[in-house]
């Protein structure tokens, strides 16, 4: 079973880019048993129900967001990026676009205020005025309910890393990928953009895995509502 899982995820990570072989090799060294949250039918049921509700809300707010985005910074409504999920399997994560069109090409012009393999800038000039509002209210993340419904993400989990980030992982960083990434989690409810140290984020993700239970997921969901309401640490 492990060998089959390894084979499927290695194929998912292999691409024409030779550098991604590093991801495959690291994953082979750190393959572990399945975390109980991944096998939990109750957690999956909560994810499905939550995703359906979230997608209904997404459909309701889609038109108003599209209209204000048209006047603020015309371009695509949605933004997708390749992220690494459970056991390193890649998927396309969706958001409402909060940055100017072509923001990735301007990234080298912005100073990274974070430590480690993540990128953060509190006053990132690429973020549009509408985008700042979407981020402050977490509305930009609502399209991720589609990822949850598809089973690529969970309502609660670890922070979904980018490919560039994973390519630099040491062995202990790979333990983050033993569970599905989540729309919310320890990092999101304990500072969000205020936490700028990569190792601290990794430790939060590992702590989540140790503390995990369905009741703990529900606690983090409730705490998420409170954090968003207070706009605490939004980026």
Protein backbone atom coordinates (compact mmCIF):
# COMPACT_ATOMS: atom_id res chain seq x y z
CA UNK A 1 0.00 0.00 0.00
CA UNK A 2 2.84 2.35 0.92
CA UNK A 3 4.68 1.55 -2.30
CA UNK A 4 1.53 2.25 -4.32
CA UNK A 5 1.01 5.57 -2.54
CA UNK A 6 4.65 6.48 -3.11
CA UNK A 7 4.43 5.62 -6.80
CA UNK A 8 1.30 7.72 -7.33
CA UNK A 9 2.70 10.77 -5.58
CA UNK A 10 6.11 10.52 -7.21
CA UNK A 11 4.41 10.52 -10.62
CA UNK A 12 2.39 13.56 -9.55
CA UNK A 13 5.57 15.42 -8.60
CA UNK A 14 7.63 14.57 -11.69
CA UNK A 15 7.52 17.29 -14.35
CA UNK A 16 9.72 18.53 -17.21
CA UNK A 17 11.56 20.64 -14.61
CA UNK A 18 14.58 18.58 -13.42
CA UNK A 19 14.59 20.42 -10.08
CA UNK A 20 11.38 18.67 -9.04
CA UNK A 21 13.30 15.40 -8.78
CA UNK A 22 14.56 16.82 -5.48
CA UNK A 23 11.00 16.76 -4.18
CA UNK A 24 10.62 13.14 -5.19
CA UNK A 25 13.88 12.10 -3.50
CA UNK A 26 13.03 13.92 -0.28
CA UNK A 27 9.61 12.31 -0.18
CA UNK A 28 11.06 8.83 -0.61
CA UNK A 29 13.22 9.39 2.46
CA UNK A 30 10.38 10.59 4.68
CA UNK A 31 7.34 8.46 3.76
CA UNK A 32 5.42 7.64 6.95
CA UNK A 33 2.16 5.97 7.94
CA UNK A 34 -1.12 7.73 7.21
CA UNK A 35 -2.17 10.29 9.83
CA UNK A 36 -5.52 9.44 11.51
CA UNK A 37 -7.07 12.72 10.29
CA UNK A 38 -6.69 11.50 6.71
CA UNK A 39 -8.65 8.31 7.48
CA UNK A 40 -11.39 9.97 9.52
CA UNK A 41 -14.81 9.68 7.78
CA UNK A 42 -16.29 12.25 10.19
CA UNK A 43 -13.65 14.83 9.30
CA UNK A 44 -14.33 14.21 5.62
CA UNK A 45 -18.09 14.56 6.17
CA UNK A 46 -17.55 17.90 7.93
CA UNK A 47 -15.30 18.98 5.05
CA UNK A 48 -17.95 18.15 2.45
CA UNK A 49 -20.77 19.88 4.32
CA UNK A 50 -18.60 22.90 5.06
CA UNK A 51 -17.41 23.08 1.45
CA UNK A 52 -20.97 23.03 0.11
CA UNK A 53 -21.99 25.88 2.42
CA UNK A 54 -18.81 27.76 1.54
CA UNK A 55 -19.39 27.37 -2.20
CA UNK A 56 -22.94 28.70 -1.88
CA UNK A 57 -21.56 31.80 -0.15
CA UNK A 58 -18.83 32.03 -2.82
CA UNK A 59 -21.49 32.06 -5.55
CA UNK A 60 -23.33 34.86 -3.75
CA UNK A 61 -20.27 37.12 -3.33
CA UNK A 62 -18.80 36.34 -6.76
CA UNK A 63 -20.65 38.99 -8.74
CA UNK A 64 -20.04 41.91 -6.33
CA UNK A 65 -16.34 41.02 -6.11
CA UNK A 66 -16.09 40.76 -9.90
CA UNK A 67 -17.67 44.21 -10.34
CA UNK A 68 -15.44 46.03 -7.86
CA UNK A 69 -12.40 44.19 -9.20
CA UNK A 70 -13.26 45.38 -12.72
CA UNK A 71 -13.07 49.01 -11.61
CA UNK A 72 -10.10 48.54 -9.30
CA UNK A 73 -7.74 46.34 -11.35
CA UNK A 74 -9.25 44.68 -14.44
CA UNK A 75 -8.18 41.11 -15.02
CA UNK A 76 -9.00 37.54 -13.98
CA UNK A 77 -11.32 37.15 -11.00
CA UNK A 78 -9.63 33.97 -9.82
CA UNK A 79 -5.99 33.16 -9.19
CA UNK A 80 -4.59 29.64 -9.07
CA UNK A 81 -1.20 28.42 -7.90
CA UNK A 82 0.38 24.98 -7.72
CA UNK A 83 0.69 23.84 -4.11
CA UNK A 84 1.81 20.64 -2.42
CA UNK A 85 -0.77 18.70 -0.48
CA UNK A 86 -0.98 15.38 1.32
CA UNK A 87 2.30 13.44 0.99
CA UNK A 88 3.61 16.04 -1.46
CA UNK A 89 0.95 15.53 -4.13
CA UNK A 90 0.54 18.69 -6.17
CA UNK A 91 -2.77 20.44 -6.88
CA UNK A 92 -4.08 23.79 -8.11
CA UNK A 93 -5.20 25.96 -5.21
CA UNK A 94 -7.77 28.66 -6.00
CA UNK A 95 -8.30 32.15 -4.59
CA UNK A 96 -9.98 35.38 -5.55
CA UNK A 97 -7.20 37.47 -7.11
CA UNK A 98 -5.88 40.03 -4.61
CA UNK A 99 -2.81 41.25 -6.50
CA UNK A 100 -2.17 43.10 -9.73
CA UNK A 101 -2.09 41.04 -12.92
CA UNK A 102 1.40 39.59 -13.43
CA UNK A 103 2.31 39.89 -9.73
CA UNK A 104 4.63 36.87 -9.87
CA UNK A 105 6.84 38.66 -12.39
CA UNK A 106 7.20 41.56 -9.94
CA UNK A 107 8.03 39.45 -6.89
CA UNK A 108 11.78 40.06 -7.19
CA UNK A 109 11.16 43.79 -6.68
CA UNK A 110 9.53 43.27 -3.27
CA UNK A 111 11.55 42.76 -0.08
CA UNK A 112 10.93 39.51 1.76
CA UNK A 113 10.29 40.29 5.45
CA UNK A 114 10.03 36.63 6.47
CA UNK A 115 12.72 34.23 7.65
CA UNK A 116 13.15 30.91 5.90
CA UNK A 117 11.41 29.45 2.86
CA UNK A 118 8.28 31.62 2.86
CA UNK A 119 7.65 35.06 1.35
CA UNK A 120 5.92 37.82 3.30
CA UNK A 121 5.74 41.60 3.03
CA UNK A 122 3.24 43.46 5.20
CA UNK A 123 2.89 46.33 2.71
CA UNK A 124 3.36 44.37 -0.50
CA UNK A 125 2.74 46.98 -3.25
CA UNK A 126 1.40 44.29 -5.59
CA UNK A 127 -1.76 43.92 -3.49
CA UNK A 128 -4.64 45.96 -4.89
CA UNK A 129 -6.98 48.07 -2.68
CA UNK A 130 -9.77 45.54 -3.24
CA UNK A 131 -7.26 42.77 -2.60
CA UNK A 132 -6.39 44.21 0.81
CA UNK A 133 -10.05 44.14 1.76
CA UNK A 134 -10.43 40.57 0.51
CA UNK A 135 -7.40 39.47 2.53
CA UNK A 136 -8.44 41.35 5.67
CA UNK A 137 -11.82 39.60 5.61
CA UNK A 138 -10.40 36.29 4.27
CA UNK A 139 -12.89 36.47 1.39
CA UNK A 140 -10.01 35.82 -1.02
CA UNK A 141 -9.82 32.25 0.30
CA UNK A 142 -13.44 31.28 -0.36
CA UNK A 143 -12.71 29.60 -3.73
CA UNK A 144 -10.62 27.08 -1.77
CA UNK A 145 -13.87 25.44 -0.71
CA UNK A 146 -13.74 23.89 -4.19
CA UNK A 147 -10.38 22.34 -3.26
CA UNK A 148 -11.95 21.03 -0.04
CA UNK A 149 -14.89 19.50 -1.89
CA UNK A 150 -12.49 17.74 -4.27
CA UNK A 151 -10.57 16.32 -1.32
CA UNK A 152 -7.33 18.18 -2.09
CA UNK A 153 -7.64 20.30 1.05
CA UNK A 154 -9.51 20.21 4.35
CA UNK A 155 -11.35 22.92 6.24
CA UNK A 156 -8.65 22.60 8.91
CA UNK A 157 -5.10 21.48 8.31
CA UNK A 158 -1.59 22.69 7.72
CA UNK A 159 -0.51 25.64 5.59
CA UNK A 160 -0.33 24.55 1.89
CA UNK A 161 3.26 25.12 0.69
CA UNK A 162 4.40 26.23 -2.75
CA UNK A 163 6.65 24.13 -4.97
CA UNK A 164 9.52 26.59 -4.55
CA UNK A 165 9.25 26.19 -0.79
CA UNK A 166 9.14 22.38 -0.86
CA UNK A 167 12.22 22.17 -3.06
CA UNK A 168 14.24 23.55 -0.13
CA UNK A 169 12.77 21.24 2.53
CA UNK A 170 14.90 19.37 5.02
CA UNK A 171 13.65 15.99 6.18
CA UNK A 172 11.77 17.28 9.25
CA UNK A 173 9.87 19.81 7.11
CA UNK A 174 8.28 16.96 5.16
CA UNK A 175 6.33 15.89 8.24
CA UNK A 176 4.06 18.90 7.57
CA UNK A 177 2.71 17.04 4.55
CA UNK A 178 1.47 14.03 6.54
CA UNK A 179 -1.99 15.68 6.65
CA UNK A 180 -4.10 17.56 4.14
CA UNK A 181 -3.50 21.31 3.93
CA UNK A 182 -6.32 23.41 5.30
CA UNK A 183 -8.13 26.67 4.65
CA UNK A 184 -7.45 27.38 8.30
CA UNK A 185 -5.23 25.90 10.98
CA UNK A 186 -2.79 26.69 13.79
CA UNK A 187 -0.87 29.25 11.73
CA UNK A 188 -3.98 31.07 10.57
CA UNK A 189 -5.51 31.46 14.04
CA UNK A 190 -2.25 32.26 15.84
CA UNK A 191 -1.01 35.33 14.04
CA UNK A 192 -1.33 34.68 10.31
CA UNK A 193 0.90 37.30 8.65
CA UNK A 194 2.39 38.30 12.02
CA UNK A 195 4.20 34.95 12.11
CA UNK A 196 7.13 35.43 9.75
CA UNK A 197 9.49 32.68 10.80
CA UNK A 198 9.25 29.55 8.67
CA UNK A 199 10.40 27.18 11.42
CA UNK A 200 7.74 28.56 13.74
CA UNK A 201 5.07 27.83 11.13
CA UNK A 202 6.44 24.30 10.69
CA UNK A 203 6.30 23.74 14.44
CA UNK A 204 2.68 24.95 14.54
CA UNK A 205 1.79 22.49 11.79
CA UNK A 206 3.49 19.62 13.64
CA UNK A 207 1.74 20.64 16.87
CA UNK A 208 -1.58 20.47 15.03
CA UNK A 209 -0.87 16.90 14.00
CA UNK A 210 -0.12 15.95 17.60
CA UNK A 211 -3.25 17.66 18.97
CA UNK A 212 -5.59 16.58 16.19
CA UNK A 213 -9.11 15.39 16.87
CA UNK A 214 -12.45 16.26 15.27
CA UNK A 215 -13.25 18.37 18.33
CA UNK A 216 -9.95 20.23 17.98
CA UNK A 217 -10.79 20.95 14.32
CA UNK A 218 -14.14 22.41 15.42
CA UNK A 219 -12.35 24.52 18.03
CA UNK A 220 -9.97 25.91 15.38
CA UNK A 221 -12.91 26.66 13.06
CA UNK A 222 -14.66 28.64 15.79
CA UNK A 223 -11.41 30.44 16.62
CA UNK A 224 -11.00 31.28 12.93
CA UNK A 225 -14.34 33.12 12.88
CA UNK A 226 -13.23 35.15 15.89
CA UNK A 227 -9.82 35.98 14.34
CA UNK A 228 -11.42 37.06 11.05
CA UNK A 229 -14.01 39.13 12.90
CA UNK A 230 -11.23 40.92 14.77
CA UNK A 231 -9.13 41.12 11.57
CA UNK A 232 -6.22 39.89 13.64
CA UNK A 233 -3.04 39.33 11.65
CA UNK A 234 -4.65 39.53 8.23
CA UNK A 235 -2.29 40.02 5.33
